[in-house]
Amino acid sequence: MTRTADLWGPFTPGLDPGERTARARVLAALARVYGGPGADALVKALRRLERDPGAADEALDLLNKLPTRPRRHALSSYAVIHRPP
């Protein structure tokens, strides 16, 4: 079960499939850039999330297991990219 605090970005319920795909791809790219090969499982889960909203819990769990520094960098970059204009 996803906590309310985790309902952001590609994990937001009811997103248009195209928007979910875009958000998941951005987060996957940032996770790979900052997490390196150690983020491969997360990247794969985020790619599954593009097609299957049911993959959100797995992807979120893997994101939270990313080491602190790459997770913080990926999340802060994601926040800047998705900052309202």
N, C-alpha and C. Protein backbone atom coordinates (compact mmCIF):
# COMPACT_ATOMS: atom_id res chain seq x y z
N MET A 1 0.85 -1.19 0.00
CA MET A 1 0.00 0.00 0.00
C MET A 1 0.88 1.24 0.00
N THR A 2 0.62 2.15 -0.89
CA THR A 2 1.39 3.37 -1.03
C THR A 2 0.91 4.42 -0.03
N ARG A 3 1.87 5.03 0.67
CA ARG A 3 1.53 6.08 1.63
C ARG A 3 1.17 7.36 0.87
N THR A 4 0.38 8.21 1.49
CA THR A 4 -0.03 9.47 0.87
C THR A 4 1.18 10.31 0.50
N ALA A 5 2.22 10.31 1.33
CA ALA A 5 3.42 11.10 1.05
C ALA A 5 4.15 10.62 -0.20
N ASP A 6 3.87 9.40 -0.63
CA ASP A 6 4.53 8.84 -1.81
C ASP A 6 3.72 9.01 -3.09
N LEU A 7 2.65 9.77 -3.05
CA LEU A 7 1.80 9.96 -4.23
C LEU A 7 2.24 11.22 -4.98
N TRP A 8 3.37 11.11 -5.65
CA TRP A 8 3.95 12.22 -6.40
C TRP A 8 4.49 11.66 -7.72
N GLY A 9 4.83 12.55 -8.63
CA GLY A 9 5.46 12.14 -9.88
C GLY A 9 4.73 11.00 -10.57
N PRO A 10 5.47 9.98 -11.02
CA PRO A 10 4.85 8.89 -11.75
C PRO A 10 4.00 7.98 -10.86
N PHE A 11 4.05 8.22 -9.55
CA PHE A 11 3.29 7.41 -8.60
C PHE A 11 1.92 8.00 -8.29
N THR A 12 1.58 9.12 -8.90
CA THR A 12 0.30 9.78 -8.70
C THR A 12 -0.81 8.93 -9.32
N PRO A 13 -1.81 8.55 -8.53
CA PRO A 13 -2.90 7.74 -9.10
C PRO A 13 -3.73 8.54 -10.09
N GLY A 14 -4.25 7.86 -11.09
CA GLY A 14 -5.15 8.48 -12.05
C GLY A 14 -4.47 9.34 -13.10
N LEU A 15 -3.15 9.26 -13.20
CA LEU A 15 -2.45 10.04 -14.22
C LEU A 15 -2.82 9.54 -15.61
N ASP A 16 -2.85 10.45 -16.56
CA ASP A 16 -2.97 10.07 -17.96
C ASP A 16 -1.79 9.16 -18.28
N PRO A 17 -2.00 8.06 -19.01
CA PRO A 17 -0.90 7.14 -19.31
C PRO A 17 0.32 7.81 -19.96
N GLY A 18 0.11 8.76 -20.82
CA GLY A 18 1.22 9.46 -21.45
C GLY A 18 2.03 10.27 -20.46
N GLU A 19 1.33 10.91 -19.53
CA GLU A 19 2.01 11.69 -18.49
C GLU A 19 2.77 10.78 -17.53
N ARG A 20 2.16 9.65 -17.16
CA ARG A 20 2.85 8.68 -16.29
C ARG A 20 4.13 8.19 -16.96
N THR A 21 4.04 7.89 -18.26
CA THR A 21 5.21 7.44 -19.00
C THR A 21 6.30 8.50 -18.98
N ALA A 22 5.94 9.74 -19.25
CA ALA A 22 6.92 10.82 -19.28
C ALA A 22 7.59 10.99 -17.91
N ARG A 23 6.80 10.98 -16.86
CA ARG A 23 7.36 11.15 -15.52
C ARG A 23 8.24 9.98 -15.13
N ALA A 24 7.82 8.77 -15.47
CA ALA A 24 8.63 7.59 -15.14
C ALA A 24 9.94 7.61 -15.90
N ARG A 25 9.92 8.03 -17.16
CA ARG A 25 11.16 8.08 -17.95
C ARG A 25 12.14 9.11 -17.41
N VAL A 26 11.63 10.25 -17.01
CA VAL A 26 12.50 11.28 -16.43
C VAL A 26 13.14 10.74 -15.16
N LEU A 27 12.35 10.14 -14.30
CA LEU A 27 12.89 9.62 -13.05
C LEU A 27 13.86 8.47 -13.30
N ALA A 28 13.57 7.62 -14.27
CA ALA A 28 14.47 6.52 -14.61
C ALA A 28 15.81 7.06 -15.10
N ALA A 29 15.77 8.08 -15.95
CA ALA A 29 17.02 8.66 -16.45
C ALA A 29 17.84 9.26 -15.32
N LEU A 30 17.18 9.99 -14.43
CA LEU A 30 17.91 10.60 -13.32
C LEU A 30 18.46 9.54 -12.37
N ALA A 31 17.69 8.50 -12.13
CA ALA A 31 18.16 7.42 -11.25
C ALA A 31 19.41 6.77 -11.85
N ARG A 32 19.42 6.56 -13.16
CA ARG A 32 20.58 5.93 -13.81
C ARG A 32 21.78 6.85 -13.80
N VAL A 33 21.56 8.14 -14.06
CA VAL A 33 22.66 9.10 -14.08
C VAL A 33 23.31 9.19 -12.69
N TYR A 34 22.49 9.33 -11.66
CA TYR A 34 23.02 9.51 -10.31
C TYR A 34 23.33 8.20 -9.59
N GLY A 35 22.60 7.14 -9.91
CA GLY A 35 22.78 5.87 -9.21
C GLY A 35 23.68 4.89 -9.92
N GLY A 36 24.00 5.17 -11.18
CA GLY A 36 24.86 4.28 -11.93
C GLY A 36 24.25 2.90 -12.10
N PRO A 37 25.10 1.89 -12.31
CA PRO A 37 24.60 0.53 -12.52
C PRO A 37 23.81 -0.01 -11.32
N GLY A 38 24.04 0.55 -10.15
CA GLY A 38 23.31 0.12 -8.96
C GLY A 38 21.84 0.45 -9.01
N ALA A 39 21.45 1.30 -9.93
CA ALA A 39 20.04 1.69 -10.08
C ALA A 39 19.33 0.90 -11.16
N ASP A 40 19.98 -0.12 -11.72
CA ASP A 40 19.38 -0.86 -12.84
C ASP A 40 18.02 -1.46 -12.50
N ALA A 41 17.87 -2.06 -11.32
CA ALA A 41 16.57 -2.66 -10.95
C ALA A 41 15.49 -1.58 -10.88
N LEU A 42 15.85 -0.42 -10.35
CA LEU A 42 14.90 0.70 -10.27
C LEU A 42 14.52 1.17 -11.66
N VAL A 43 15.50 1.30 -12.54
CA VAL A 43 15.22 1.74 -13.91
C VAL A 43 14.27 0.76 -14.59
N LYS A 44 14.50 -0.54 -14.42
CA LYS A 44 13.62 -1.55 -15.02
C LYS A 44 12.21 -1.45 -14.45
N ALA A 45 12.10 -1.22 -13.15
CA ALA A 45 10.78 -1.10 -12.52
C ALA A 45 10.06 0.15 -13.02
N LEU A 46 10.78 1.24 -13.19
CA LEU A 46 10.17 2.46 -13.72
C LEU A 46 9.74 2.28 -15.17
N ARG A 47 10.49 1.52 -15.94
CA ARG A 47 10.08 1.23 -17.32
C ARG A 47 8.80 0.38 -17.34
N ARG A 48 8.67 -0.55 -16.37
CA ARG A 48 7.42 -1.33 -16.26
C ARG A 48 6.26 -0.42 -15.87
N LEU A 49 6.55 0.54 -15.01
CA LEU A 49 5.52 1.48 -14.56
C LEU A 49 4.95 2.29 -15.73
N GLU A 50 5.74 2.49 -16.77
CA GLU A 50 5.24 3.20 -17.95
C GLU A 50 4.00 2.52 -18.52
N ARG A 51 3.96 1.19 -18.45
CA ARG A 51 2.85 0.42 -19.04
C ARG A 51 1.86 -0.10 -18.00
N ASP A 52 2.32 -0.24 -16.76
CA ASP A 52 1.52 -0.89 -15.74
C ASP A 52 1.54 -0.09 -14.44
N PRO A 53 0.45 0.62 -14.11
CA PRO A 53 0.41 1.39 -12.87
C PRO A 53 0.61 0.51 -11.63
N GLY A 54 0.37 -0.79 -11.78
CA GLY A 54 0.57 -1.71 -10.66
C GLY A 54 2.02 -1.88 -10.27
N ALA A 55 2.94 -1.41 -11.09
CA ALA A 55 4.37 -1.51 -10.78
C ALA A 55 4.85 -0.37 -9.88
N ALA A 56 3.94 0.52 -9.49
CA ALA A 56 4.32 1.69 -8.70
C ALA A 56 4.93 1.32 -7.35
N ASP A 57 4.33 0.38 -6.64
CA ASP A 57 4.85 0.03 -5.31
C ASP A 57 6.27 -0.52 -5.40
N GLU A 58 6.53 -1.38 -6.38
CA GLU A 58 7.87 -1.94 -6.54
C GLU A 58 8.88 -0.84 -6.87
N ALA A 59 8.52 0.03 -7.81
CA ALA A 59 9.43 1.10 -8.20
C ALA A 59 9.70 2.04 -7.04
N LEU A 60 8.68 2.39 -6.29
CA LEU A 60 8.85 3.27 -5.15
C LEU A 60 9.72 2.63 -4.08
N ASP A 61 9.53 1.34 -3.84
CA ASP A 61 10.35 0.62 -2.87
C ASP A 61 11.81 0.63 -3.30
N LEU A 62 12.08 0.37 -4.57
CA LEU A 62 13.46 0.39 -5.08
C LEU A 62 14.05 1.79 -5.03
N LEU A 63 13.25 2.81 -5.31
CA LEU A 63 13.73 4.18 -5.20
C LEU A 63 14.15 4.48 -3.77
N ASN A 64 13.34 4.06 -2.81
CA ASN A 64 13.65 4.31 -1.41
C ASN A 64 14.86 3.52 -0.93
N LYS A 65 15.23 2.46 -1.64
CA LYS A 65 16.40 1.66 -1.28
C LYS A 65 17.68 2.16 -1.96
N LEU A 66 17.55 3.12 -2.86
CA LEU A 66 18.72 3.70 -3.50
C LEU A 66 19.56 4.38 -2.42
N PRO A 67 20.88 4.29 -2.50
CA PRO A 67 21.70 4.98 -1.49
C PRO A 67 21.33 6.47 -1.39
N THR A 68 21.54 7.01 -0.22
CA THR A 68 21.06 8.36 0.10
C THR A 68 21.49 9.43 -0.90
N ARG A 69 22.77 9.50 -1.21
CA ARG A 69 23.24 10.59 -2.07
C ARG A 69 22.63 10.53 -3.47
N PRO A 70 22.69 9.39 -4.18
CA PRO A 70 22.07 9.38 -5.51
C PRO A 70 20.56 9.58 -5.46
N ARG A 71 19.89 9.07 -4.42
CA ARG A 71 18.45 9.28 -4.30
C ARG A 71 18.14 10.77 -4.12
N ARG A 72 18.89 11.41 -3.26
CA ARG A 72 18.67 12.85 -3.01
C ARG A 72 18.92 13.66 -4.28
N HIS A 73 19.99 13.36 -5.01
CA HIS A 73 20.28 14.09 -6.25
C HIS A 73 19.19 13.85 -7.30
N ALA A 74 18.76 12.61 -7.45
CA ALA A 74 17.72 12.30 -8.44
C ALA A 74 16.41 13.01 -8.08
N LEU A 75 16.04 12.97 -6.81
CA LEU A 75 14.78 13.60 -6.40
C LEU A 75 14.83 15.12 -6.52
N SER A 76 15.96 15.71 -6.16
CA SER A 76 16.03 17.18 -6.26
C SER A 76 16.03 17.62 -7.72
N SER A 77 16.71 16.87 -8.58
CA SER A 77 16.69 17.19 -10.01
C SER A 77 15.29 17.01 -10.58
N TYR A 78 14.62 15.94 -10.18
CA TYR A 78 13.25 15.69 -10.64
C TYR A 78 12.35 16.86 -10.22
N ALA A 79 12.51 17.33 -8.99
CA ALA A 79 11.68 18.43 -8.49
C ALA A 79 11.90 19.71 -9.30
N VAL A 80 13.15 19.97 -9.67
CA VAL A 80 13.44 21.16 -10.48
C VAL A 80 12.81 21.05 -11.86
N ILE A 81 12.91 19.86 -12.46
CA ILE A 81 12.35 19.67 -13.79
C ILE A 81 10.83 19.83 -13.79
N HIS A 82 10.18 19.38 -12.71
CA HIS A 82 8.72 19.42 -12.65
C HIS A 82 8.18 20.59 -11.83
N ARG A 83 9.03 21.56 -11.56
CA ARG A 83 8.57 22.74 -10.85
C ARG A 83 7.55 23.48 -11.71
N PRO A 84 6.45 23.93 -11.12
CA PRO A 84 5.46 24.67 -11.92
C PRO A 84 6.09 25.92 -12.52
N PRO A 85 5.70 26.28 -13.72
CA PRO A 85 6.28 27.47 -14.38
C PRO A 85 5.88 28.75 -13.67
